[in-house]
Amino acid sequence: MIKVTIPLIPAGQDGPLIPAAQVTALLRTIAGDWVRAAEDAPDPGVDRQTVDNLAGVLDELADSIDVECIALASAPAGGDPDAQ
């Protein structure tokens, strides 16, 4: 079992914010732990393909968050990162 501490940033009425780097690291850590647990599982009933697929979904979600954050950080001041 992993132990992770994630800082929360108060954001008023919108609720707390979590730094994106912490979220993506958590998603990738969970995916890696699932894969390692499946590899070490003595139970032959563990469906490795399903575990790998689910871990892949978490990795893709982390990648997507990273891309969105890079786009936001790279946008000109006051500009819309989606505008072309």
C-alpha atoms as a PDB file:
ATOM      1  CA  MET A   1       0.000   0.000   0.000  1.00  0.00           C
ATOM      2  CA  ILE A   2       1.264   3.448  -0.876  1.00  0.00           C
ATOM      3  CA  LYS A   3       1.060   6.477   1.348  1.00  0.00           C
ATOM      4  CA  VAL A   4       0.674   9.777  -0.454  1.00  0.00           C
ATOM      5  CA  THR A   5       0.366  13.273   0.947  1.00  0.00           C
ATOM      6  CA  ILE A   6      -1.287  15.773  -1.370  1.00  0.00           C
ATOM      7  CA  PRO A   7      -1.338  19.460  -0.499  1.00  0.00           C
ATOM      8  CA  LEU A   8      -4.706  21.171  -0.727  1.00  0.00           C
ATOM      9  CA  ILE A   9      -4.900  24.830  -1.661  1.00  0.00           C
ATOM     10  CA  PRO A  10      -7.949  26.697  -0.337  1.00  0.00           C
ATOM     11  CA  ALA A  11      -9.930  28.312  -3.151  1.00  0.00           C
ATOM     12  CA  GLY A  12     -12.835  29.937  -1.357  1.00  0.00           C
ATOM     13  CA  GLN A  13     -16.307  28.779  -2.307  1.00  0.00           C
ATOM     14  CA  ASP A  14     -15.012  26.653  -5.192  1.00  0.00           C
ATOM     15  CA  GLY A  15     -13.484  24.223  -2.713  1.00  0.00           C
ATOM     16  CA  PRO A  16      -9.873  23.129  -2.331  1.00  0.00           C
ATOM     17  CA  LEU A  17      -7.510  22.821  -5.273  1.00  0.00           C
ATOM     18  CA  ILE A  18      -4.934  20.075  -5.755  1.00  0.00           C
ATOM     19  CA  PRO A  19      -1.748  20.780  -7.742  1.00  0.00           C
ATOM     20  CA  ALA A  20      -1.956  19.047 -11.131  1.00  0.00           C
ATOM     21  CA  ALA A  21       1.530  17.559 -10.775  1.00  0.00           C
ATOM     22  CA  GLN A  22       0.395  15.821  -7.597  1.00  0.00           C
ATOM     23  CA  VAL A  23      -2.738  14.476  -9.288  1.00  0.00           C
ATOM     24  CA  THR A  24      -0.853  13.103 -12.301  1.00  0.00           C
ATOM     25  CA  ALA A  25       1.809  11.570 -10.048  1.00  0.00           C
ATOM     26  CA  LEU A  26      -0.931   9.900  -7.995  1.00  0.00           C
ATOM     27  CA  LEU A  27      -2.652   8.513 -11.106  1.00  0.00           C
ATOM     28  CA  ARG A  28       0.634   7.114 -12.451  1.00  0.00           C
ATOM     29  CA  THR A  29       1.530   5.642  -9.052  1.00  0.00           C
ATOM     30  CA  ILE A  30      -1.829   3.877  -8.791  1.00  0.00           C
ATOM     31  CA  ALA A  31      -1.458   2.515 -12.333  1.00  0.00           C
ATOM     32  CA  GLY A  32       2.029   1.217 -11.572  1.00  0.00           C
ATOM     33  CA  ASP A  33       0.894  -0.354  -8.307  1.00  0.00           C
ATOM     34  CA  TRP A  34      -1.964  -2.144 -10.090  1.00  0.00           C
ATOM     35  CA  VAL A  35       0.421  -3.593 -12.668  1.00  0.00           C
ATOM     36  CA  ARG A  36       2.939  -4.704 -10.015  1.00  0.00           C
ATOM     37  CA  ALA A  37       0.166  -6.239  -7.899  1.00  0.00           C
ATOM     38  CA  ALA A  38      -1.130  -8.152 -10.914  1.00  0.00           C
ATOM     39  CA  GLU A  39       2.368  -9.411 -11.681  1.00  0.00           C
ATOM     40  CA  ASP A  40       2.833 -10.588  -8.089  1.00  0.00           C
ATOM     41  CA  ALA A  41      -0.671 -12.013  -7.672  1.00  0.00           C
ATOM     42  CA  PRO A  42      -0.694 -15.701  -6.829  1.00  0.00           C
ATOM     43  CA  ASP A  43      -4.320 -15.871  -7.961  1.00  0.00           C
ATOM     44  CA  PRO A  44      -4.492 -17.113 -11.559  1.00  0.00           C
ATOM     45  CA  GLY A  45      -7.929 -15.468 -11.779  1.00  0.00           C
ATOM     46  CA  VAL A  46      -6.356 -12.009 -12.097  1.00  0.00           C
ATOM     47  CA  ASP A  47      -7.098 -10.764 -15.591  1.00  0.00           C
ATOM     48  CA  ARG A  48      -3.819  -9.127 -16.591  1.00  0.00           C
ATOM     49  CA  GLN A  49      -5.288  -7.624 -19.753  1.00  0.00           C
ATOM     50  CA  THR A  50      -7.979  -5.835 -17.744  1.00  0.00           C
ATOM     51  CA  VAL A  51      -5.451  -4.592 -15.196  1.00  0.00           C
ATOM     52  CA  ASP A  52      -3.152  -3.369 -17.974  1.00  0.00           C
ATOM     53  CA  ASN A  53      -6.060  -1.664 -19.742  1.00  0.00           C
ATOM     54  CA  LEU A  54      -7.201   0.088 -16.567  1.00  0.00           C
ATOM     55  CA  ALA A  55      -3.644   1.173 -15.780  1.00  0.00           C
ATOM     56  CA  GLY A  56      -3.369   2.476 -19.330  1.00  0.00           C
ATOM     57  CA  VAL A  57      -6.525   4.551 -18.851  1.00  0.00           C
ATOM     58  CA  LEU A  58      -5.035   6.141 -15.724  1.00  0.00           C
ATOM     59  CA  ASP A  59      -1.781   6.877 -17.570  1.00  0.00           C
ATOM     60  CA  GLU A  60      -3.708   8.425 -20.472  1.00  0.00           C
ATOM     61  CA  LEU A  61      -5.716  10.568 -18.058  1.00  0.00           C
ATOM     62  CA  ALA A  62      -2.485  11.766 -16.433  1.00  0.00           C
ATOM     63  CA  ASP A  63      -1.041  12.559 -19.871  1.00  0.00           C
ATOM     64  CA  SER A  64      -4.186  14.483 -20.792  1.00  0.00           C
ATOM     65  CA  ILE A  65      -3.991  16.558 -17.612  1.00  0.00           C
ATOM     66  CA  ASP A  66      -0.317  17.296 -18.327  1.00  0.00           C
ATOM     67  CA  VAL A  67      -1.122  18.422 -21.883  1.00  0.00           C
ATOM     68  CA  GLU A  68      -3.931  20.690 -20.687  1.00  0.00           C
ATOM     69  CA  CYS A  69      -1.676  22.250 -18.049  1.00  0.00           C
ATOM     70  CA  ILE A  70       1.120  22.815 -20.575  1.00  0.00           C
ATOM     71  CA  ALA A  71      -1.351  24.456 -22.956  1.00  0.00           C
ATOM     72  CA  LEU A  72      -2.660  26.676 -20.175  1.00  0.00           C
ATOM     73  CA  ALA A  73       0.828  27.646 -19.039  1.00  0.00           C
ATOM     74  CA  SER A  74       1.938  28.297 -22.636  1.00  0.00           C
ATOM     75  CA  ALA A  75      -1.030  30.516 -23.531  1.00  0.00           C
ATOM     76  CA  PRO A  76      -0.312  34.217 -23.992  1.00  0.00           C
ATOM     77  CA  ALA A  77      -1.353  36.368 -21.030  1.00  0.00           C
ATOM     78  CA  GLY A  78      -5.085  36.974 -21.188  1.00  0.00           C
ATOM     79  CA  GLY A  79      -5.407  34.673 -24.189  1.00  0.00           C
ATOM     80  CA  ASP A  80      -7.579  31.663 -24.745  1.00  0.00           C
ATOM     81  CA  PRO A  81      -5.375  28.512 -25.041  1.00  0.00           C
ATOM     82  CA  ASP A  82      -8.046  26.899 -27.247  1.00  0.00           C
ATOM     83  CA  ALA A  83      -8.239  29.816 -29.688  1.00  0.00           C
ATOM     84  CA  GLN A  84      -6.340  29.373 -32.940  1.00  0.00           C
END
